[in-house]
Amino acid sequence: MRVGHGYDVHRFGDGDHVWLGGVRIAHARGLIAHSDGDVLIHALCDALLGAVALGDIGGLFPDTSDEWAGLSGHRMLQLVRTRLESVGYVPAQCDSTLIAQAPRIAPHVPAMRARIADGLGVEVGAVNVKATTTERLGPMGREEGIAAHAVAVVMPL
């Protein structure tokens, strides 16, 4: 068994929705990113890659490449899973925390867990998603963006 940790943050910009955990959530602003800006999945992908010492998503999906422009978080998870399998590992379990004042996350957690589980090829019971605010402190508290932390456990094939 191996364990990895990931972190990601994106700032708000123009838009009418955000992607979090592979789920489209209506919001007054969008997240600025080269891909779909799904901070939760980006943090999770970094955790998975870190667990097997394969770097991070910036190396695998560089934001300087048009090939990855607009890449969905769900597809990114699938590609990271394939990369893990290529070195003899599979995802076993993950735990993540979204840090945001808005939008409200709780109503979307079941859909996020299901979408992440599908992308990783694991049971929903192996995926946990939590959310917290910063009590209006710092950039997340001022609603300047959204951040996420993730921990992933991987097992040999």
N, C-alpha and C. Protein backbone atom coordinates (compact mmCIF):
# COMPACT_ATOMS: atom_id res chain seq x y z
N MET A 1 0.85 -1.18 0.00
CA MET A 1 0.00 0.00 0.00
C MET A 1 0.89 1.24 0.00
N ARG A 2 0.46 2.26 -0.74
CA ARG A 2 1.17 3.54 -0.77
C ARG A 2 0.15 4.66 -0.62
N VAL A 3 0.61 5.79 -0.09
CA VAL A 3 -0.27 6.92 0.19
C VAL A 3 0.30 8.18 -0.44
N GLY A 4 -0.59 9.02 -0.98
CA GLY A 4 -0.16 10.29 -1.55
C GLY A 4 -1.09 11.41 -1.10
N HIS A 5 -0.58 12.64 -1.13
CA HIS A 5 -1.36 13.82 -0.77
C HIS A 5 -1.36 14.79 -1.94
N GLY A 6 -2.48 15.46 -2.17
CA GLY A 6 -2.56 16.46 -3.22
C GLY A 6 -3.26 17.71 -2.75
N TYR A 7 -2.95 18.82 -3.39
CA TYR A 7 -3.56 20.11 -3.08
C TYR A 7 -3.73 20.87 -4.38
N ASP A 8 -4.83 21.60 -4.51
CA ASP A 8 -5.01 22.47 -5.66
C ASP A 8 -5.87 23.66 -5.25
N VAL A 9 -5.71 24.75 -6.00
CA VAL A 9 -6.51 25.96 -5.78
C VAL A 9 -6.71 26.65 -7.12
N HIS A 10 -7.89 27.19 -7.32
CA HIS A 10 -8.18 28.01 -8.50
C HIS A 10 -8.95 29.23 -8.05
N ARG A 11 -8.68 30.35 -8.73
CA ARG A 11 -9.40 31.57 -8.40
C ARG A 11 -10.64 31.71 -9.27
N PHE A 12 -11.58 32.47 -8.74
CA PHE A 12 -12.81 32.72 -9.47
C PHE A 12 -12.59 33.71 -10.60
N GLY A 13 -13.38 33.56 -11.65
CA GLY A 13 -13.42 34.47 -12.78
C GLY A 13 -14.82 34.46 -13.35
N ASP A 14 -14.93 34.84 -14.60
CA ASP A 14 -16.24 34.85 -15.25
C ASP A 14 -16.79 33.44 -15.37
N GLY A 15 -18.10 33.34 -15.39
CA GLY A 15 -18.75 32.05 -15.57
C GLY A 15 -20.04 31.96 -14.80
N ASP A 16 -20.73 30.86 -15.00
CA ASP A 16 -22.01 30.66 -14.31
C ASP A 16 -22.08 29.30 -13.61
N HIS A 17 -20.92 28.62 -13.52
CA HIS A 17 -20.88 27.33 -12.85
C HIS A 17 -19.44 26.99 -12.48
N VAL A 18 -19.31 25.99 -11.62
CA VAL A 18 -18.00 25.40 -11.30
C VAL A 18 -18.13 23.90 -11.45
N TRP A 19 -17.01 23.25 -11.74
CA TRP A 19 -16.94 21.80 -11.73
C TRP A 19 -16.22 21.40 -10.46
N LEU A 20 -16.86 20.57 -9.65
CA LEU A 20 -16.26 20.07 -8.41
C LEU A 20 -16.57 18.59 -8.28
N GLY A 21 -15.55 17.77 -8.16
CA GLY A 21 -15.77 16.34 -8.03
C GLY A 21 -16.45 15.74 -9.24
N GLY A 22 -16.24 16.36 -10.41
CA GLY A 22 -16.85 15.85 -11.63
C GLY A 22 -18.30 16.24 -11.82
N VAL A 23 -18.79 17.14 -10.96
CA VAL A 23 -20.19 17.56 -10.99
C VAL A 23 -20.28 19.05 -11.32
N ARG A 24 -21.14 19.39 -12.25
CA ARG A 24 -21.35 20.80 -12.60
C ARG A 24 -22.31 21.42 -11.58
N ILE A 25 -21.85 22.51 -10.96
CA ILE A 25 -22.63 23.18 -9.92
C ILE A 25 -22.86 24.63 -10.34
N ALA A 26 -24.11 25.04 -10.41
CA ALA A 26 -24.43 26.42 -10.75
C ALA A 26 -23.83 27.36 -9.71
N HIS A 27 -23.22 28.44 -10.20
CA HIS A 27 -22.62 29.43 -9.30
C HIS A 27 -22.50 30.74 -10.05
N ALA A 28 -22.42 31.83 -9.34
CA ALA A 28 -22.36 33.16 -9.96
C ALA A 28 -21.06 33.40 -10.72
N ARG A 29 -20.02 32.60 -10.42
CA ARG A 29 -18.73 32.74 -11.09
C ARG A 29 -18.18 31.36 -11.43
N GLY A 30 -17.23 31.34 -12.36
CA GLY A 30 -16.54 30.11 -12.70
C GLY A 30 -15.14 30.12 -12.13
N LEU A 31 -14.41 29.04 -12.33
CA LEU A 31 -13.02 28.95 -11.89
C LEU A 31 -12.10 29.08 -13.10
N ILE A 32 -11.05 29.86 -12.97
CA ILE A 32 -10.10 30.09 -14.06
C ILE A 32 -9.12 28.93 -14.09
N ALA A 33 -9.02 28.29 -15.27
CA ALA A 33 -8.13 27.14 -15.41
C ALA A 33 -7.94 26.79 -16.87
N HIS A 34 -6.88 26.05 -17.15
CA HIS A 34 -6.62 25.54 -18.49
C HIS A 34 -7.58 24.39 -18.82
N SER A 35 -7.89 23.59 -17.80
CA SER A 35 -8.83 22.48 -17.94
C SER A 35 -10.19 22.95 -17.45
N ASP A 36 -10.97 22.05 -16.86
CA ASP A 36 -12.29 22.47 -16.35
C ASP A 36 -12.21 23.11 -14.96
N GLY A 37 -11.01 23.19 -14.38
CA GLY A 37 -10.83 23.87 -13.10
C GLY A 37 -11.33 23.10 -11.88
N ASP A 38 -11.54 21.80 -12.02
CA ASP A 38 -12.08 20.98 -10.93
C ASP A 38 -11.01 20.76 -9.86
N VAL A 39 -10.94 21.67 -8.88
CA VAL A 39 -9.88 21.61 -7.87
C VAL A 39 -9.89 20.31 -7.08
N LEU A 40 -11.07 19.76 -6.84
CA LEU A 40 -11.16 18.52 -6.07
C LEU A 40 -10.49 17.38 -6.82
N ILE A 41 -10.83 17.23 -8.08
CA ILE A 41 -10.22 16.15 -8.87
C ILE A 41 -8.75 16.42 -9.12
N HIS A 42 -8.36 17.67 -9.33
CA HIS A 42 -6.94 17.98 -9.52
C HIS A 42 -6.13 17.58 -8.28
N ALA A 43 -6.63 17.90 -7.10
CA ALA A 43 -5.94 17.51 -5.87
C ALA A 43 -5.87 15.99 -5.75
N LEU A 44 -6.95 15.32 -6.10
CA LEU A 44 -6.98 13.86 -6.02
C LEU A 44 -5.99 13.24 -7.01
N CYS A 45 -5.94 13.76 -8.23
CA CYS A 45 -4.98 13.25 -9.21
C CYS A 45 -3.55 13.43 -8.71
N ASP A 46 -3.24 14.58 -8.13
CA ASP A 46 -1.91 14.79 -7.57
C ASP A 46 -1.61 13.80 -6.45
N ALA A 47 -2.61 13.50 -5.62
CA ALA A 47 -2.42 12.53 -4.54
C ALA A 47 -2.13 11.15 -5.11
N LEU A 48 -2.88 10.75 -6.13
CA LEU A 48 -2.67 9.44 -6.75
C LEU A 48 -1.30 9.34 -7.40
N LEU A 49 -0.92 10.37 -8.16
CA LEU A 49 0.39 10.37 -8.81
C LEU A 49 1.51 10.40 -7.78
N GLY A 50 1.32 11.17 -6.72
CA GLY A 50 2.33 11.25 -5.67
C GLY A 50 2.53 9.93 -4.95
N ALA A 51 1.46 9.16 -4.80
CA ALA A 51 1.56 7.87 -4.11
C ALA A 51 2.51 6.91 -4.82
N VAL A 52 2.63 7.06 -6.13
CA VAL A 52 3.51 6.16 -6.88
C VAL A 52 4.70 6.91 -7.48
N ALA A 53 4.97 8.10 -6.95
CA ALA A 53 6.13 8.91 -7.33
C ALA A 53 6.18 9.21 -8.83
N LEU A 54 5.02 9.60 -9.38
CA LEU A 54 4.94 9.95 -10.80
C LEU A 54 4.76 11.45 -11.02
N GLY A 55 5.18 12.25 -10.06
CA GLY A 55 5.11 13.69 -10.23
C GLY A 55 3.73 14.24 -9.92
N ASP A 56 3.27 15.14 -10.80
CA ASP A 56 1.98 15.79 -10.56
C ASP A 56 1.24 16.02 -11.88
N ILE A 57 0.04 16.57 -11.79
CA ILE A 57 -0.76 16.76 -13.01
C ILE A 57 -0.16 17.81 -13.93
N GLY A 58 0.60 18.74 -13.38
CA GLY A 58 1.27 19.73 -14.22
C GLY A 58 2.26 19.08 -15.18
N GLY A 59 2.88 18.00 -14.75
CA GLY A 59 3.80 17.27 -15.62
C GLY A 59 3.08 16.37 -16.60
N LEU A 60 1.97 15.78 -16.16
CA LEU A 60 1.23 14.85 -17.02
C LEU A 60 0.31 15.58 -18.00
N PHE A 61 -0.29 16.69 -17.54
CA PHE A 61 -1.22 17.47 -18.36
C PHE A 61 -0.80 18.94 -18.35
N PRO A 62 0.31 19.28 -18.98
CA PRO A 62 0.83 20.66 -18.88
C PRO A 62 -0.15 21.69 -19.43
N ASP A 63 -0.25 22.82 -18.71
CA ASP A 63 -1.17 23.87 -19.15
C ASP A 63 -0.62 24.68 -20.31
N THR A 64 0.55 24.28 -20.79
CA THR A 64 1.13 24.91 -21.97
C THR A 64 0.76 24.15 -23.25
N SER A 65 0.03 23.05 -23.09
CA SER A 65 -0.34 22.21 -24.23
C SER A 65 -1.82 22.36 -24.56
N ASP A 66 -2.10 22.68 -25.81
CA ASP A 66 -3.49 22.78 -26.26
C ASP A 66 -4.21 21.43 -26.19
N GLU A 67 -3.46 20.34 -26.20
CA GLU A 67 -4.04 19.00 -26.13
C GLU A 67 -4.93 18.83 -24.89
N TRP A 68 -4.56 19.49 -23.79
CA TRP A 68 -5.28 19.30 -22.53
C TRP A 68 -6.24 20.44 -22.20
N ALA A 69 -6.37 21.42 -23.09
CA ALA A 69 -7.29 22.54 -22.84
C ALA A 69 -8.71 22.03 -22.69
N GLY A 70 -9.36 22.43 -21.60
CA GLY A 70 -10.75 22.05 -21.34
C GLY A 70 -10.94 20.62 -20.86
N LEU A 71 -9.85 19.91 -20.57
CA LEU A 71 -9.95 18.52 -20.12
C LEU A 71 -10.85 18.40 -18.90
N SER A 72 -11.79 17.47 -18.94
CA SER A 72 -12.70 17.29 -17.80
C SER A 72 -11.98 16.56 -16.68
N GLY A 73 -12.38 16.86 -15.46
CA GLY A 73 -11.82 16.17 -14.30
C GLY A 73 -12.07 14.68 -14.37
N HIS A 74 -13.25 14.28 -14.81
CA HIS A 74 -13.58 12.85 -14.90
C HIS A 74 -12.61 12.14 -15.84
N ARG A 75 -12.35 12.73 -16.98
CA ARG A 75 -11.41 12.12 -17.94
C ARG A 75 -10.00 12.12 -17.37
N MET A 76 -9.64 13.17 -16.65
CA MET A 76 -8.33 13.23 -16.02
C MET A 76 -8.16 12.07 -15.03
N LEU A 77 -9.19 11.80 -14.24
CA LEU A 77 -9.12 10.67 -13.30
C LEU A 77 -8.90 9.36 -14.05
N GLN A 78 -9.62 9.17 -15.15
CA GLN A 78 -9.47 7.94 -15.92
C GLN A 78 -8.05 7.80 -16.45
N LEU A 79 -7.48 8.89 -16.95
CA LEU A 79 -6.12 8.85 -17.48
C LEU A 79 -5.09 8.61 -16.38
N VAL A 80 -5.32 9.19 -15.20
CA VAL A 80 -4.40 8.95 -14.08
C VAL A 80 -4.51 7.50 -13.63
N ARG A 81 -5.71 6.95 -13.59
CA ARG A 81 -5.86 5.54 -13.23
C ARG A 81 -5.08 4.65 -14.21
N THR A 82 -5.19 4.93 -15.50
CA THR A 82 -4.45 4.17 -16.51
C THR A 82 -2.95 4.29 -16.27
N ARG A 83 -2.50 5.48 -15.92
CA ARG A 83 -1.07 5.70 -15.64
C ARG A 83 -0.64 4.89 -14.42
N LEU A 84 -1.47 4.84 -13.39
CA LEU A 84 -1.16 4.04 -12.20
C LEU A 84 -1.04 2.56 -12.57
N GLU A 85 -2.00 2.10 -13.35
CA GLU A 85 -1.99 0.69 -13.76
C GLU A 85 -0.73 0.35 -14.55
N SER A 86 -0.23 1.32 -15.32
CA SER A 86 0.97 1.07 -16.14
C SER A 86 2.21 0.83 -15.28
N VAL A 87 2.17 1.26 -14.02
CA VAL A 87 3.29 1.01 -13.10
C VAL A 87 2.91 0.02 -12.00
N GLY A 88 1.77 -0.68 -12.20
CA GLY A 88 1.42 -1.78 -11.30
C GLY A 88 0.59 -1.44 -10.08
N TYR A 89 -0.15 -0.33 -10.11
CA TYR A 89 -0.98 0.06 -8.97
C TYR A 89 -2.40 0.40 -9.39
N VAL A 90 -3.32 0.33 -8.43
CA VAL A 90 -4.70 0.77 -8.64
C VAL A 90 -5.14 1.58 -7.42
N PRO A 91 -6.06 2.52 -7.63
CA PRO A 91 -6.60 3.27 -6.49
C PRO A 91 -7.35 2.33 -5.56
N ALA A 92 -7.23 2.57 -4.26
CA ALA A 92 -7.95 1.76 -3.28
C ALA A 92 -8.95 2.60 -2.49
N GLN A 93 -8.56 3.83 -2.13
CA GLN A 93 -9.41 4.67 -1.29
C GLN A 93 -8.92 6.10 -1.39
N CYS A 94 -9.85 7.04 -1.22
CA CYS A 94 -9.44 8.45 -1.21
C CYS A 94 -10.33 9.25 -0.26
N ASP A 95 -9.76 10.29 0.28
CA ASP A 95 -10.45 11.20 1.18
C ASP A 95 -10.08 12.61 0.75
N SER A 96 -11.05 13.49 0.65
CA SER A 96 -10.77 14.84 0.16
C SER A 96 -11.56 15.88 0.93
N THR A 97 -11.04 17.10 0.92
CA THR A 97 -11.70 18.22 1.57
C THR A 97 -11.70 19.42 0.64
N LEU A 98 -12.88 19.95 0.35
CA LEU A 98 -13.01 21.20 -0.39
C LEU A 98 -13.02 22.35 0.60
N ILE A 99 -12.36 23.44 0.25
CA ILE A 99 -12.31 24.63 1.10
C ILE A 99 -12.93 25.77 0.31
N ALA A 100 -14.15 26.17 0.71
CA ALA A 100 -14.89 27.18 -0.05
C ALA A 100 -15.98 27.80 0.81
N GLN A 101 -16.16 29.10 0.67
CA GLN A 101 -17.31 29.77 1.29
C GLN A 101 -18.56 29.51 0.45
N ALA A 102 -18.37 29.46 -0.86
CA ALA A 102 -19.48 29.27 -1.78
C ALA A 102 -18.92 28.64 -3.04
N PRO A 103 -19.71 27.82 -3.72
CA PRO A 103 -21.10 27.48 -3.48
C PRO A 103 -21.24 26.47 -2.35
N ARG A 104 -22.46 26.24 -1.96
CA ARG A 104 -22.75 25.25 -0.93
C ARG A 104 -22.47 23.86 -1.51
N ILE A 105 -21.68 23.09 -0.80
CA ILE A 105 -21.19 21.81 -1.31
C ILE A 105 -22.06 20.61 -0.89
N ALA A 106 -22.55 20.61 0.33
CA ALA A 106 -23.21 19.43 0.90
C ALA A 106 -24.25 18.77 -0.01
N PRO A 107 -25.12 19.53 -0.68
CA PRO A 107 -26.12 18.86 -1.52
C PRO A 107 -25.53 18.07 -2.69
N HIS A 108 -24.29 18.34 -3.04
CA HIS A 108 -23.67 17.72 -4.21
C HIS A 108 -22.73 16.57 -3.87
N VAL A 109 -22.48 16.34 -2.58
CA VAL A 109 -21.50 15.33 -2.18
C VAL A 109 -21.84 13.93 -2.69
N PRO A 110 -23.07 13.45 -2.59
CA PRO A 110 -23.34 12.10 -3.13
C PRO A 110 -23.01 11.97 -4.62
N ALA A 111 -23.36 12.96 -5.41
CA ALA A 111 -23.06 12.91 -6.85
C ALA A 111 -21.56 12.97 -7.08
N MET A 112 -20.84 13.77 -6.30
CA MET A 112 -19.38 13.85 -6.44
C MET A 112 -18.74 12.50 -6.12
N ARG A 113 -19.18 11.89 -5.05
CA ARG A 113 -18.61 10.59 -4.67
C ARG A 113 -18.84 9.56 -5.77
N ALA A 114 -20.03 9.55 -6.33
CA ALA A 114 -20.35 8.59 -7.39
C ALA A 114 -19.52 8.86 -8.64
N ARG A 115 -19.36 10.12 -9.01
CA ARG A 115 -18.60 10.47 -10.22
C ARG A 115 -17.12 10.15 -10.05
N ILE A 116 -16.56 10.44 -8.89
CA ILE A 116 -15.16 10.12 -8.62
C ILE A 116 -14.96 8.60 -8.61
N ALA A 117 -15.85 7.88 -7.96
CA ALA A 117 -15.75 6.42 -7.91
C ALA A 117 -15.76 5.85 -9.32
N ASP A 118 -16.63 6.37 -10.17
CA ASP A 118 -16.71 5.91 -11.55
C ASP A 118 -15.38 6.17 -12.28
N GLY A 119 -14.83 7.35 -12.12
CA GLY A 119 -13.57 7.69 -12.79
C GLY A 119 -12.40 6.84 -12.33
N LEU A 120 -12.43 6.45 -11.06
CA LEU A 120 -11.34 5.65 -10.51
C LEU A 120 -11.55 4.15 -10.64
N GLY A 121 -12.79 3.75 -10.93
CA GLY A 121 -13.10 2.32 -11.01
C GLY A 121 -13.14 1.66 -9.65
N VAL A 122 -13.62 2.40 -8.63
CA VAL A 122 -13.74 1.86 -7.28
C VAL A 122 -15.20 1.97 -6.80
N GLU A 123 -15.50 1.33 -5.71
CA GLU A 123 -16.83 1.45 -5.11
C GLU A 123 -17.00 2.82 -4.48
N VAL A 124 -18.23 3.31 -4.44
CA VAL A 124 -18.52 4.62 -3.84
C VAL A 124 -18.04 4.66 -2.38
N GLY A 125 -18.11 3.54 -1.70
CA GLY A 125 -17.67 3.47 -0.31
C GLY A 125 -16.19 3.71 -0.11
N ALA A 126 -15.42 3.73 -1.19
CA ALA A 126 -13.97 3.99 -1.11
C ALA A 126 -13.65 5.46 -1.34
N VAL A 127 -14.68 6.29 -1.52
CA VAL A 127 -14.49 7.71 -1.84
C VAL A 127 -15.17 8.57 -0.78
N ASN A 128 -14.43 9.47 -0.19
CA ASN A 128 -15.02 10.40 0.77
C ASN A 128 -14.77 11.83 0.31
N VAL A 129 -15.80 12.66 0.43
CA VAL A 129 -15.70 14.08 0.09
C VAL A 129 -16.27 14.89 1.25
N LYS A 130 -15.49 15.84 1.72
CA LYS A 130 -15.94 16.73 2.79
C LYS A 130 -15.78 18.16 2.30
N ALA A 131 -16.40 19.08 3.00
CA ALA A 131 -16.24 20.50 2.67
C ALA A 131 -16.18 21.30 3.96
N THR A 132 -15.45 22.39 3.89
CA THR A 132 -15.37 23.31 5.02
C THR A 132 -15.23 24.73 4.49
N THR A 133 -15.53 25.67 5.34
CA THR A 133 -15.28 27.07 5.02
C THR A 133 -14.06 27.50 5.83
N THR A 134 -13.64 28.73 5.65
CA THR A 134 -12.55 29.27 6.46
C THR A 134 -13.07 30.36 7.38
N GLU A 135 -14.38 30.31 7.65
CA GLU A 135 -15.01 31.30 8.53
C GLU A 135 -14.73 32.72 8.03
N ARG A 136 -14.75 32.87 6.71
CA ARG A 136 -14.54 34.14 6.01
C ARG A 136 -13.12 34.71 6.16
N LEU A 137 -12.17 33.85 6.55
CA LEU A 137 -10.76 34.27 6.67
C LEU A 137 -10.01 33.91 5.39
N GLY A 138 -9.06 34.74 4.98
CA GLY A 138 -8.17 34.46 3.86
C GLY A 138 -8.87 34.49 2.51
N PRO A 139 -8.12 34.11 1.45
CA PRO A 139 -8.65 34.20 0.09
C PRO A 139 -9.90 33.34 -0.14
N MET A 140 -9.94 32.14 0.44
CA MET A 140 -11.13 31.30 0.26
C MET A 140 -12.31 31.93 1.01
N GLY A 141 -12.05 32.47 2.17
CA GLY A 141 -13.10 33.11 2.96
C GLY A 141 -13.65 34.37 2.31
N ARG A 142 -12.81 35.05 1.56
CA ARG A 142 -13.26 36.25 0.83
C ARG A 142 -13.87 35.89 -0.52
N GLU A 143 -14.04 34.60 -0.74
CA GLU A 143 -14.63 34.06 -1.98
C GLU A 143 -13.83 34.46 -3.22
N GLU A 144 -12.51 34.40 -3.08
CA GLU A 144 -11.63 34.67 -4.22
C GLU A 144 -11.36 33.40 -5.02
N GLY A 145 -11.64 32.25 -4.45
CA GLY A 145 -11.42 30.98 -5.14
C GLY A 145 -11.85 29.81 -4.29
N ILE A 146 -11.46 28.63 -4.75
CA ILE A 146 -11.76 27.37 -4.07
C ILE A 146 -10.48 26.56 -4.04
N ALA A 147 -10.26 25.86 -2.92
CA ALA A 147 -9.09 24.99 -2.77
C ALA A 147 -9.55 23.60 -2.36
N ALA A 148 -8.66 22.63 -2.51
CA ALA A 148 -8.97 21.26 -2.10
C ALA A 148 -7.70 20.54 -1.69
N HIS A 149 -7.85 19.66 -0.71
CA HIS A 149 -6.80 18.72 -0.29
C HIS A 149 -7.34 17.32 -0.55
N ALA A 150 -6.46 16.39 -0.87
CA ALA A 150 -6.87 15.00 -1.05
C ALA A 150 -5.76 14.07 -0.60
N VAL A 151 -6.18 12.94 -0.08
CA VAL A 151 -5.27 11.85 0.29
C VAL A 151 -5.76 10.61 -0.45
N ALA A 152 -4.84 9.88 -1.05
CA ALA A 152 -5.21 8.67 -1.79
C ALA A 152 -4.34 7.50 -1.36
N VAL A 153 -4.97 6.34 -1.28
CA VAL A 153 -4.28 5.09 -1.01
C VAL A 153 -4.31 4.27 -2.29
N VAL A 154 -3.18 3.75 -2.69
CA VAL A 154 -3.12 2.88 -3.86
C VAL A 154 -2.54 1.52 -3.44
N MET A 155 -2.93 0.49 -4.17
CA MET A 155 -2.49 -0.88 -3.87
C MET A 155 -1.86 -1.48 -5.12
N PRO A 156 -0.93 -2.42 -4.94
CA PRO A 156 -0.38 -3.13 -6.11
C PRO A 156 -1.49 -3.91 -6.81
N LEU A 157 -1.35 -4.04 -8.12
CA LEU A 157 -2.31 -4.85 -8.91
C LEU A 157 -2.34 -6.28 -8.43
